[in-house]
Amino acid sequence: MKKVLILCNGCPPSRALFHDNFAQADSFIAADGGANIAQNFNTLPDVVIGDLDSYEPLANEPYEVISRPDQEHNDLEKALTYARKKGGTHIHILGATGHRLDQTLKNLSVLKQFNSSFQSLVMKDNFGETQLIAPSYKTELPIGTTISLFPLSGSVTNVTTKGLKYPLTNESLTNGVRDGSSNEVVEQTVHITYKKGDLLLFVRR
């Protein structure tokens, strides 16, 4: 198992959130301007990768800098491709939300693109954690936790939940029609199952 932290150039995480994830990581990748945020935390990445349009280099650059100027892929895609090549298995992404909405939506799309490449792929910010979940998913959460379920693309069919205040039983969630926003954990163990689709889980922390 290799844990990789990727820091993007979106809304910066809190110092506590950053250092908690940094302490658990085996490798730290800065996606372009994410390196600038790392410097504010007095921390250096192992590698900086991206088109480098927002990266502010240090005088000596005591880490590897990889220029990927193509505009067909964003900096998070480039960082995840690098992490996959280097054998990363569990990926935590910070700084991928906030600021421009179009970039946040793009990064959510990237979750789908790379989800099958890793054992876990989680996007975190100062409000919570977001990930695509498997068709049969179980987790332990404190009672009272707010969670939301969203179909990432099209519809998610036969969604059934246990342990939530507003349960679903073989129901469909469809973009623009119905989602599972702002539910509440009422049992410590939460089960979520579905048949087809891409189901995004947000857990408020």
Foldseek 3Di string as FASTA:
>chain_A
DFEEEEEEAADAADLVVVVVSVVVHPFYEYQQCSQVVCVVSVHGGQEYEFCNPNHDDDPVRPHHYYHDNDPPDGSVLVVLVVCLVVPHAEYEYERQDHDDPVSVLVVVVVLVVCVVSHNYYWYDHNWWIKHWDDQKDKDFDDFFWWKWKAFNAAKWFQKFKPQWPDTDGRHMHGPPPHTGGTITGHDRMMIIHTDDGTMMMTITD
